[in-house]
Amino acid sequence: MEFEEYFEIAVIYSHAVFEIGAYAKYMRYANELLVVSIDNNVQFFQGKDIFCQILFKKAAAHYNLMEYQAAAHVLKELIKIDPNYGDAIILLKRVTRKSKTVFIKTYRAIAVSLFLIAALVIAFELILVQSFWSSYRDMVAISRIAIFSLGLVVLILCDLYLRINAHYSVTKLVDTAKKKKGFS
């Protein structure tokens, strides 16, 4: 089989493996294809930059396997190669957000705790306040709403912080890569 035929079949097969969700298997084919494309100086295949396309799918496979550090590394290298690769920029932002698991677990735990406290206040209000201390009904209702609202605010602000932080860190990386490549 000639090299062109072999390479075409290998690329199509590896993309099919990726599309069915066999990401660990795809990683093996991606590494082989990267080596073959470098050894044979193949940059474009069917009008697309095959090297960047394979790197992106490799990063996406890492992401789908929840290997966020490996995905971030591949995406950063891809952005250094092509700072205008939009899909890589979007995926790197998502990976950056997902990789802060300790922060995510902490703020979500705080928010859930506040929601549970609000539920306890509702139970307290229904069982005791309405029956025995009706004069405190308004104060308990305000505290219930305040605690629930605080949990919601914690949830929203922390998610917003993660998104803004990821956006700025990736934008900084892209700008640095563009300067090194001479893009404006």
C-alpha atoms as a PDB file:
ATOM      1  CA  MET A   1       0.000   0.000   0.000  1.00  0.00           C
ATOM      2  CA  GLU A   2       1.307   3.413  -0.881  1.00  0.00           C
ATOM      3  CA  PHE A   3       1.931   5.931   1.881  1.00  0.00           C
ATOM      4  CA  GLU A   4      -0.886   8.260   0.800  1.00  0.00           C
ATOM      5  CA  GLU A   5      -3.449   5.441   0.918  1.00  0.00           C
ATOM      6  CA  TYR A   6      -2.135   4.184   4.257  1.00  0.00           C
ATOM      7  CA  PHE A   7      -2.201   7.680   5.748  1.00  0.00           C
ATOM      8  CA  GLU A   8      -5.720   8.395   4.485  1.00  0.00           C
ATOM      9  CA  ILE A   9      -7.066   5.145   5.941  1.00  0.00           C
ATOM     10  CA  ALA A  10      -5.216   5.715   9.238  1.00  0.00           C
ATOM     11  CA  VAL A  11      -6.615   9.255   9.577  1.00  0.00           C
ATOM     12  CA  ILE A  12     -10.174   8.211   8.762  1.00  0.00           C
ATOM     13  CA  TYR A  13      -9.993   5.237  11.116  1.00  0.00           C
ATOM     14  CA  SER A  14      -8.554   7.285  13.984  1.00  0.00           C
ATOM     15  CA  HIS A  15     -11.257   9.928  13.567  1.00  0.00           C
ATOM     16  CA  ALA A  16     -13.908   7.197  13.618  1.00  0.00           C
ATOM     17  CA  VAL A  17     -12.407   5.794  16.823  1.00  0.00           C
ATOM     18  CA  PHE A  18     -12.575   9.288  18.341  1.00  0.00           C
ATOM     19  CA  GLU A  19     -16.171   9.807  17.220  1.00  0.00           C
ATOM     20  CA  ILE A  20     -17.399   6.593  18.841  1.00  0.00           C
ATOM     21  CA  GLY A  21     -15.864   7.682  22.143  1.00  0.00           C
ATOM     22  CA  ALA A  22     -12.966   5.246  22.407  1.00  0.00           C
ATOM     23  CA  TYR A  23     -10.680   7.994  23.628  1.00  0.00           C
ATOM     24  CA  ALA A  24      -7.942   5.838  25.168  1.00  0.00           C
ATOM     25  CA  LYS A  25      -7.666   3.893  21.914  1.00  0.00           C
ATOM     26  CA  TYR A  26      -7.653   7.150  19.944  1.00  0.00           C
ATOM     27  CA  MET A  27      -4.658   8.381  21.957  1.00  0.00           C
ATOM     28  CA  ARG A  28      -2.543   5.512  20.630  1.00  0.00           C
ATOM     29  CA  TYR A  29      -3.544   6.231  17.027  1.00  0.00           C
ATOM     30  CA  ALA A  30      -3.079   9.965  17.486  1.00  0.00           C
ATOM     31  CA  ASN A  31       0.478   9.520  18.723  1.00  0.00           C
ATOM     32  CA  GLU A  32       1.275   7.227  15.798  1.00  0.00           C
ATOM     33  CA  LEU A  33      -0.282   9.640  13.298  1.00  0.00           C
ATOM     34  CA  LEU A  34       1.656  12.563  14.736  1.00  0.00           C
ATOM     35  CA  VAL A  35       4.923  10.668  14.364  1.00  0.00           C
ATOM     36  CA  VAL A  36       4.052   9.520  10.831  1.00  0.00           C
ATOM     37  CA  SER A  37       3.003  13.014   9.741  1.00  0.00           C
ATOM     38  CA  ILE A  38       6.225  14.523  11.097  1.00  0.00           C
ATOM     39  CA  ASP A  39       8.442  11.804   9.632  1.00  0.00           C
ATOM     40  CA  ASN A  40       6.824  12.149   6.198  1.00  0.00           C
ATOM     41  CA  ASN A  41       6.444  15.934   6.356  1.00  0.00           C
ATOM     42  CA  VAL A  42       2.645  15.832   5.994  1.00  0.00           C
ATOM     43  CA  GLN A  43       1.098  19.052   7.225  1.00  0.00           C
ATOM     44  CA  PHE A  44      -2.117  19.271   5.231  1.00  0.00           C
ATOM     45  CA  PHE A  45      -4.580  16.492   4.544  1.00  0.00           C
ATOM     46  CA  GLN A  46      -7.801  17.116   2.613  1.00  0.00           C
ATOM     47  CA  GLY A  47      -7.207  20.857   2.903  1.00  0.00           C
ATOM     48  CA  LYS A  48      -6.854  20.870   6.698  1.00  0.00           C
ATOM     49  CA  ASP A  49      -3.830  21.179   8.958  1.00  0.00           C
ATOM     50  CA  ILE A  50      -3.731  17.540  10.015  1.00  0.00           C
ATOM     51  CA  PHE A  51      -1.147  18.083  12.745  1.00  0.00           C
ATOM     52  CA  CYS A  52      -3.293  20.679  14.520  1.00  0.00           C
ATOM     53  CA  GLN A  53      -6.439  18.632  13.980  1.00  0.00           C
ATOM     54  CA  ILE A  54      -4.880  15.541  15.556  1.00  0.00           C
ATOM     55  CA  LEU A  55      -3.505  17.573  18.458  1.00  0.00           C
ATOM     56  CA  PHE A  56      -6.915  19.108  19.099  1.00  0.00           C
ATOM     57  CA  LYS A  57      -8.671  15.749  19.100  1.00  0.00           C
ATOM     58  CA  LYS A  58      -5.943  14.371  21.359  1.00  0.00           C
ATOM     59  CA  ALA A  59      -6.612  17.206  23.815  1.00  0.00           C
ATOM     60  CA  ALA A  60     -10.355  16.585  23.551  1.00  0.00           C
ATOM     61  CA  ALA A  61      -9.755  12.903  24.267  1.00  0.00           C
ATOM     62  CA  HIS A  62      -7.752  13.832  27.377  1.00  0.00           C
ATOM     63  CA  TYR A  63     -10.600  16.144  28.404  1.00  0.00           C
ATOM     64  CA  ASN A  64     -13.208  13.419  27.937  1.00  0.00           C
ATOM     65  CA  LEU A  65     -11.055  11.042  29.984  1.00  0.00           C
ATOM     66  CA  MET A  66     -10.933  13.753  32.697  1.00  0.00           C
ATOM     67  CA  GLU A  67      -7.167  14.138  32.306  1.00  0.00           C
ATOM     68  CA  TYR A  68      -7.325  17.916  32.549  1.00  0.00           C
ATOM     69  CA  GLN A  69      -3.622  18.626  33.041  1.00  0.00           C
ATOM     70  CA  ALA A  70      -2.674  16.584  29.985  1.00  0.00           C
ATOM     71  CA  ALA A  71      -5.424  18.269  27.962  1.00  0.00           C
ATOM     72  CA  ALA A  72      -4.233  21.711  29.066  1.00  0.00           C
ATOM     73  CA  HIS A  73      -0.654  20.872  28.109  1.00  0.00           C
ATOM     74  CA  VAL A  74      -1.612  19.693  24.604  1.00  0.00           C
ATOM     75  CA  LEU A  75      -3.891  22.702  24.078  1.00  0.00           C
ATOM     76  CA  LYS A  76      -1.218  25.166  25.177  1.00  0.00           C
ATOM     77  CA  GLU A  77       1.220  23.625  22.723  1.00  0.00           C
ATOM     78  CA  LEU A  78      -1.425  23.738  19.992  1.00  0.00           C
ATOM     79  CA  ILE A  79      -2.098  27.419  20.688  1.00  0.00           C
ATOM     80  CA  LYS A  80       1.645  28.101  20.471  1.00  0.00           C
ATOM     81  CA  ILE A  81       1.592  26.478  17.025  1.00  0.00           C
ATOM     82  CA  ASP A  82      -1.614  28.194  15.860  1.00  0.00           C
ATOM     83  CA  PRO A  83      -2.818  31.051  18.110  1.00  0.00           C
ATOM     84  CA  ASN A  84      -5.941  31.495  15.966  1.00  0.00           C
ATOM     85  CA  TYR A  85      -7.261  27.948  16.493  1.00  0.00           C
ATOM     86  CA  GLY A  86     -10.626  28.941  17.948  1.00  0.00           C
ATOM     87  CA  ASP A  87     -11.769  25.496  19.067  1.00  0.00           C
ATOM     88  CA  ALA A  88      -8.548  25.023  21.040  1.00  0.00           C
ATOM     89  CA  ILE A  89      -9.061  28.352  22.793  1.00  0.00           C
ATOM     90  CA  ILE A  90     -12.628  27.438  23.763  1.00  0.00           C
ATOM     91  CA  LEU A  91     -11.611  23.990  25.005  1.00  0.00           C
ATOM     92  CA  LEU A  92      -8.672  25.396  26.978  1.00  0.00           C
ATOM     93  CA  LYS A  93     -11.036  27.767  28.782  1.00  0.00           C
ATOM     94  CA  ARG A  94     -13.275  24.826  29.664  1.00  0.00           C
ATOM     95  CA  VAL A  95     -10.288  22.737  30.799  1.00  0.00           C
ATOM     96  CA  THR A  96      -9.004  25.613  32.915  1.00  0.00           C
ATOM     97  CA  ARG A  97     -12.359  25.877  34.671  1.00  0.00           C
ATOM     98  CA  LYS A  98     -12.618  22.114  35.218  1.00  0.00           C
ATOM     99  CA  SER A  99      -9.075  21.768  36.533  1.00  0.00           C
ATOM    100  CA  LYS A 100      -9.800  23.841  39.646  1.00  0.00           C
ATOM    101  CA  THR A 101     -11.611  20.955  41.340  1.00  0.00           C
ATOM    102  CA  VAL A 102     -10.698  21.892  44.922  1.00  0.00           C
ATOM    103  CA  PHE A 103     -12.131  25.377  44.478  1.00  0.00           C
ATOM    104  CA  ILE A 104     -15.234  24.032  42.735  1.00  0.00           C
ATOM    105  CA  LYS A 105     -15.892  21.447  45.451  1.00  0.00           C
ATOM    106  CA  THR A 106     -15.371  24.009  48.198  1.00  0.00           C
ATOM    107  CA  TYR A 107     -17.728  26.670  46.890  1.00  0.00           C
ATOM    108  CA  ARG A 108     -20.351  24.119  45.924  1.00  0.00           C
ATOM    109  CA  ALA A 109     -20.158  22.594  49.405  1.00  0.00           C
ATOM    110  CA  ILE A 110     -20.658  26.032  50.942  1.00  0.00           C
ATOM    111  CA  ALA A 111     -23.639  26.718  48.686  1.00  0.00           C
ATOM    112  CA  VAL A 112     -25.237  23.332  49.407  1.00  0.00           C
ATOM    113  CA  SER A 113     -24.683  23.878  53.131  1.00  0.00           C
ATOM    114  CA  LEU A 114     -26.474  27.201  52.927  1.00  0.00           C
ATOM    115  CA  PHE A 115     -29.354  25.581  51.026  1.00  0.00           C
ATOM    116  CA  LEU A 116     -29.610  22.879  53.695  1.00  0.00           C
ATOM    117  CA  ILE A 117     -29.608  25.490  56.453  1.00  0.00           C
ATOM    118  CA  ALA A 118     -32.411  27.289  54.612  1.00  0.00           C
ATOM    119  CA  ALA A 119     -34.337  23.990  54.499  1.00  0.00           C
ATOM    120  CA  LEU A 120     -33.825  23.555  58.249  1.00  0.00           C
ATOM    121  CA  VAL A 121     -35.109  27.074  58.821  1.00  0.00           C
ATOM    122  CA  ILE A 122     -38.192  26.220  56.746  1.00  0.00           C
ATOM    123  CA  ALA A 123     -38.786  23.124  58.873  1.00  0.00           C
ATOM    124  CA  PHE A 124     -38.267  25.159  62.042  1.00  0.00           C
ATOM    125  CA  GLU A 125     -40.697  27.754  60.716  1.00  0.00           C
ATOM    126  CA  LEU A 126     -43.376  25.200  59.834  1.00  0.00           C
ATOM    127  CA  ILE A 127     -43.108  23.157  63.027  1.00  0.00           C
ATOM    128  CA  LEU A 128     -42.426  25.712  65.741  1.00  0.00           C
ATOM    129  CA  VAL A 129     -42.782  29.289  64.606  1.00  0.00           C
ATOM    130  CA  GLN A 130     -46.238  29.017  63.044  1.00  0.00           C
ATOM    131  CA  SER A 131     -47.548  27.040  66.002  1.00  0.00           C
ATOM    132  CA  PHE A 132     -45.918  28.676  69.018  1.00  0.00           C
ATOM    133  CA  TRP A 133     -44.013  31.841  68.068  1.00  0.00           C
ATOM    134  CA  SER A 134     -46.109  33.469  65.375  1.00  0.00           C
ATOM    135  CA  SER A 135     -44.742  36.891  66.328  1.00  0.00           C
ATOM    136  CA  TYR A 136     -41.348  35.791  64.910  1.00  0.00           C
ATOM    137  CA  ARG A 137     -42.810  34.624  61.576  1.00  0.00           C
ATOM    138  CA  ASP A 138     -41.576  37.634  59.576  1.00  0.00           C
ATOM    139  CA  MET A 139     -38.084  37.526  61.047  1.00  0.00           C
ATOM    140  CA  VAL A 140     -37.743  33.798  60.343  1.00  0.00           C
ATOM    141  CA  ALA A 141     -39.079  34.248  56.788  1.00  0.00           C
ATOM    142  CA  ILE A 142     -36.537  37.014  56.128  1.00  0.00           C
ATOM    143  CA  SER A 143     -33.691  34.890  57.509  1.00  0.00           C
ATOM    144  CA  ARG A 144     -34.800  31.900  55.392  1.00  0.00           C
ATOM    145  CA  ILE A 145     -34.838  34.013  52.243  1.00  0.00           C
ATOM    146  CA  ALA A 146     -31.503  35.623  53.134  1.00  0.00           C
ATOM    147  CA  ILE A 147     -29.765  32.292  53.740  1.00  0.00           C
ATOM    148  CA  PHE A 148     -31.117  30.781  50.515  1.00  0.00           C
ATOM    149  CA  SER A 149     -30.177  33.931  48.574  1.00  0.00           C
ATOM    150  CA  LEU A 150     -26.674  33.867  50.043  1.00  0.00           C
ATOM    151  CA  GLY A 151     -26.243  30.269  48.842  1.00  0.00           C
ATOM    152  CA  LEU A 152     -27.397  31.273  45.385  1.00  0.00           C
ATOM    153  CA  VAL A 153     -25.062  34.273  45.320  1.00  0.00           C
ATOM    154  CA  VAL A 154     -22.099  32.104  46.402  1.00  0.00           C
ATOM    155  CA  LEU A 155     -22.887  29.648  43.618  1.00  0.00           C
ATOM    156  CA  ILE A 156     -23.232  32.319  40.935  1.00  0.00           C
ATOM    157  CA  LEU A 157     -20.263  34.483  41.965  1.00  0.00           C
ATOM    158  CA  CYS A 158     -17.846  31.579  42.235  1.00  0.00           C
ATOM    159  CA  ASP A 159     -18.862  30.233  38.837  1.00  0.00           C
ATOM    160  CA  LEU A 160     -18.507  33.710  37.377  1.00  0.00           C
ATOM    161  CA  TYR A 161     -15.073  34.044  38.982  1.00  0.00           C
ATOM    162  CA  LEU A 162     -13.965  30.729  37.433  1.00  0.00           C
ATOM    163  CA  ARG A 163     -15.178  31.772  33.992  1.00  0.00           C
ATOM    164  CA  ILE A 164     -13.524  35.203  34.119  1.00  0.00           C
ATOM    165  CA  ASN A 165     -10.284  33.767  35.480  1.00  0.00           C
ATOM    166  CA  ALA A 166     -10.169  31.118  32.738  1.00  0.00           C
ATOM    167  CA  HIS A 167     -10.959  33.698  30.058  1.00  0.00           C
ATOM    168  CA  TYR A 168      -8.176  36.043  31.111  1.00  0.00           C
ATOM    169  CA  SER A 169      -5.539  33.358  31.567  1.00  0.00           C
ATOM    170  CA  VAL A 170      -6.263  31.837  28.146  1.00  0.00           C
ATOM    171  CA  THR A 171      -6.457  35.254  26.490  1.00  0.00           C
ATOM    172  CA  LYS A 172      -3.060  36.109  27.967  1.00  0.00           C
ATOM    173  CA  LEU A 173      -1.604  32.856  26.603  1.00  0.00           C
ATOM    174  CA  VAL A 174      -3.095  33.494  23.150  1.00  0.00           C
ATOM    175  CA  ASP A 175      -1.797  37.071  23.074  1.00  0.00           C
ATOM    176  CA  THR A 176       1.688  35.878  24.037  1.00  0.00           C
ATOM    177  CA  ALA A 177       1.590  33.214  21.311  1.00  0.00           C
ATOM    178  CA  LYS A 178       0.409  35.756  18.736  1.00  0.00           C
ATOM    179  CA  LYS A 179       3.255  38.125  19.624  1.00  0.00           C
ATOM    180  CA  LYS A 180       5.811  35.323  19.254  1.00  0.00           C
ATOM    181  CA  LYS A 181       4.311  34.352  15.876  1.00  0.00           C
ATOM    182  CA  GLY A 182       4.212  37.958  14.712  1.00  0.00           C
ATOM    183  CA  PHE A 183       0.411  38.199  14.456  1.00  0.00           C
ATOM    184  CA  SER A 184      -1.240  41.463  15.348  1.00  0.00           C
END
